[in-house]
Amino acid sequence: MVRSGEDSKDCCKWRAVLCSNRTGRVVVLDLSVPVFGDNQQHLRGEISPSLLELQHLNHLDLSGNDFEGKRMRPKFNGYLSRLKYLNVSLPIWVDLFPVN
């Protein structure tokens, strides 16, 4: 889904992933889905804790996806505060982020 046509193990070559030219670390992950469009592939289910392994990520766009009302796990709260940009827009995100 994220990978482009070739089966590359270098995630910096994947569509929707941007790495720092200086460090080679993933800094942008754009898994957004246009709100209006035909045959869009939405992400579904829970967000994997493996996202926490992207320690240098500062831009995360998950807009337009359907996480089926699942809440973010509490361990994500500190992680989300490190982001400079976070987009989770779309009404299906209602109640996804619990208020502490």
C-alpha atoms as a PDB file:
ATOM      1  CA  MET A   1       0.000   0.000   0.000  1.00  0.00           C
ATOM      2  CA  VAL A   2       2.766   2.455   0.859  1.00  0.00           C
ATOM      3  CA  ARG A   3       5.364   1.010  -1.423  1.00  0.00           C
ATOM      4  CA  SER A   4       5.648   2.232  -4.976  1.00  0.00           C
ATOM      5  CA  GLY A   5       5.818  -0.165  -7.911  1.00  0.00           C
ATOM      6  CA  GLU A   6       9.118  -1.747  -6.920  1.00  0.00           C
ATOM      7  CA  ASP A   7       9.538  -3.995  -3.896  1.00  0.00           C
ATOM      8  CA  SER A   8      12.238  -1.957  -2.175  1.00  0.00           C
ATOM      9  CA  LYS A   9      13.459  -2.632   1.350  1.00  0.00           C
ATOM     10  CA  ASP A  10      14.635   0.988   1.547  1.00  0.00           C
ATOM     11  CA  CYS A  11      11.577   2.670   3.036  1.00  0.00           C
ATOM     12  CA  CYS A  12      12.917   6.072   1.957  1.00  0.00           C
ATOM     13  CA  LYS A  13      11.989   5.047  -1.592  1.00  0.00           C
ATOM     14  CA  TRP A  14       8.395   4.233  -0.688  1.00  0.00           C
ATOM     15  CA  ARG A  15       5.564   6.485  -1.727  1.00  0.00           C
ATOM     16  CA  ALA A  16       4.236   8.467   1.270  1.00  0.00           C
ATOM     17  CA  VAL A  17       7.557   8.327   3.134  1.00  0.00           C
ATOM     18  CA  LEU A  18      10.059  11.167   3.256  1.00  0.00           C
ATOM     19  CA  CYS A  19      13.469  10.789   4.845  1.00  0.00           C
ATOM     20  CA  SER A  20      15.939  13.411   5.941  1.00  0.00           C
ATOM     21  CA  ASN A  21      18.701  13.947   3.365  1.00  0.00           C
ATOM     22  CA  ARG A  22      21.108  14.508   6.225  1.00  0.00           C
ATOM     23  CA  THR A  23      20.301  11.586   8.536  1.00  0.00           C
ATOM     24  CA  GLY A  24      18.373   9.149   6.335  1.00  0.00           C
ATOM     25  CA  ARG A  25      15.711   8.864   9.068  1.00  0.00           C
ATOM     26  CA  VAL A  26      11.969   8.902   8.330  1.00  0.00           C
ATOM     27  CA  VAL A  27      10.661  12.407   9.086  1.00  0.00           C
ATOM     28  CA  VAL A  28       7.360  12.465   7.140  1.00  0.00           C
ATOM     29  CA  LEU A  29       4.699   9.794   6.853  1.00  0.00           C
ATOM     30  CA  ASP A  30       1.731  10.799   4.693  1.00  0.00           C
ATOM     31  CA  LEU A  31      -0.894   8.064   4.690  1.00  0.00           C
ATOM     32  CA  SER A  32      -3.723  10.445   3.904  1.00  0.00           C
ATOM     33  CA  VAL A  33      -6.607   9.507   1.653  1.00  0.00           C
ATOM     34  CA  PRO A  34      -8.426  12.177  -0.345  1.00  0.00           C
ATOM     35  CA  VAL A  35     -11.901  12.694   1.079  1.00  0.00           C
ATOM     36  CA  PHE A  36     -13.507  12.808  -2.342  1.00  0.00           C
ATOM     37  CA  GLY A  37     -12.347  10.240  -4.820  1.00  0.00           C
ATOM     38  CA  ASP A  38     -13.232   6.948  -6.412  1.00  0.00           C
ATOM     39  CA  ASN A  39     -11.841   3.610  -5.273  1.00  0.00           C
ATOM     40  CA  GLN A  40      -9.737   4.941  -2.426  1.00  0.00           C
ATOM     41  CA  GLN A  41      -7.852   2.476  -0.226  1.00  0.00           C
ATOM     42  CA  HIS A  42      -8.449   3.450   3.404  1.00  0.00           C
ATOM     43  CA  LEU A  43      -6.455   2.178   6.353  1.00  0.00           C
ATOM     44  CA  ARG A  44      -8.638   0.290   8.822  1.00  0.00           C
ATOM     45  CA  GLY A  45      -8.339  -1.107  12.332  1.00  0.00           C
ATOM     46  CA  GLU A  46      -5.875  -0.165  15.057  1.00  0.00           C
ATOM     47  CA  ILE A  47      -2.767   1.923  14.602  1.00  0.00           C
ATOM     48  CA  SER A  48       0.268  -0.264  15.154  1.00  0.00           C
ATOM     49  CA  PRO A  49       2.573   0.515  18.082  1.00  0.00           C
ATOM     50  CA  SER A  50       5.465   0.030  15.623  1.00  0.00           C
ATOM     51  CA  LEU A  51       4.764   3.645  14.642  1.00  0.00           C
ATOM     52  CA  LEU A  52       6.509   4.543  17.902  1.00  0.00           C
ATOM     53  CA  GLU A  53       9.766   3.231  16.427  1.00  0.00           C
ATOM     54  CA  LEU A  54       9.879   6.220  14.061  1.00  0.00           C
ATOM     55  CA  GLN A  55      11.621   8.401  16.633  1.00  0.00           C
ATOM     56  CA  HIS A  56      12.512  11.186  14.189  1.00  0.00           C
ATOM     57  CA  LEU A  57       9.051  11.493  12.648  1.00  0.00           C
ATOM     58  CA  ASN A  58       7.775  15.069  12.825  1.00  0.00           C
ATOM     59  CA  HIS A  59       4.956  15.021  10.221  1.00  0.00           C
ATOM     60  CA  LEU A  60       2.154  12.446  10.343  1.00  0.00           C
ATOM     61  CA  ASP A  61      -0.901  12.620   8.110  1.00  0.00           C
ATOM     62  CA  LEU A  62      -3.552   9.942   8.616  1.00  0.00           C
ATOM     63  CA  SER A  63      -6.473  12.018   7.350  1.00  0.00           C
ATOM     64  CA  GLY A  64      -9.307  10.366   5.492  1.00  0.00           C
ATOM     65  CA  ASN A  65      -8.768   6.899   6.991  1.00  0.00           C
ATOM     66  CA  ASP A  66     -11.212   4.716   8.896  1.00  0.00           C
ATOM     67  CA  PHE A  67      -9.832   3.380  12.163  1.00  0.00           C
ATOM     68  CA  GLU A  68     -13.258   2.016  13.041  1.00  0.00           C
ATOM     69  CA  GLY A  69     -13.571   4.100  16.199  1.00  0.00           C
ATOM     70  CA  LYS A  70     -10.545   2.461  17.818  1.00  0.00           C
ATOM     71  CA  ARG A  71      -8.799   4.696  20.343  1.00  0.00           C
ATOM     72  CA  MET A  72      -5.104   5.435  20.302  1.00  0.00           C
ATOM     73  CA  ARG A  73      -3.289   3.495  22.996  1.00  0.00           C
ATOM     74  CA  PRO A  74      -2.164   5.642  25.941  1.00  0.00           C
ATOM     75  CA  LYS A  75       1.514   5.160  25.052  1.00  0.00           C
ATOM     76  CA  PHE A  76       0.908   7.196  21.888  1.00  0.00           C
ATOM     77  CA  ASN A  77       0.117  10.348  23.888  1.00  0.00           C
ATOM     78  CA  GLY A  78       3.762  11.345  24.554  1.00  0.00           C
ATOM     79  CA  TYR A  79       4.704  10.364  21.031  1.00  0.00           C
ATOM     80  CA  LEU A  80       2.089  12.628  19.464  1.00  0.00           C
ATOM     81  CA  SER A  81       3.429  15.629  21.365  1.00  0.00           C
ATOM     82  CA  ARG A  82       6.763  15.290  19.492  1.00  0.00           C
ATOM     83  CA  LEU A  83       5.101  15.859  16.128  1.00  0.00           C
ATOM     84  CA  LYS A  84       5.231  19.280  14.484  1.00  0.00           C
ATOM     85  CA  TYR A  85       2.353  18.336  12.159  1.00  0.00           C
ATOM     86  CA  LEU A  86      -0.499  15.910  12.805  1.00  0.00           C
ATOM     87  CA  ASN A  87      -3.566  15.551  10.612  1.00  0.00           C
ATOM     88  CA  VAL A  88      -6.271  13.097  11.597  1.00  0.00           C
ATOM     89  CA  SER A  89      -9.174  14.969  10.073  1.00  0.00           C
ATOM     90  CA  LEU A  90     -12.459  13.354   9.119  1.00  0.00           C
ATOM     91  CA  PRO A  91     -15.545  12.721  11.239  1.00  0.00           C
ATOM     92  CA  ILE A  92     -14.733   9.020  11.673  1.00  0.00           C
ATOM     93  CA  TRP A  93     -12.010  10.052  14.138  1.00  0.00           C
ATOM     94  CA  VAL A  94     -14.564  11.187  16.707  1.00  0.00           C
ATOM     95  CA  ASP A  95     -13.578   9.817  20.138  1.00  0.00           C
ATOM     96  CA  LEU A  96     -10.325   8.293  18.838  1.00  0.00           C
ATOM     97  CA  PHE A  97      -8.093  10.349  21.116  1.00  0.00           C
ATOM     98  CA  PRO A  98      -9.188   9.883  24.723  1.00  0.00           C
ATOM     99  CA  VAL A  99      -9.169  12.956  26.924  1.00  0.00           C
ATOM    100  CA  ASN A 100      -6.987  12.459  29.986  1.00  0.00           C
END
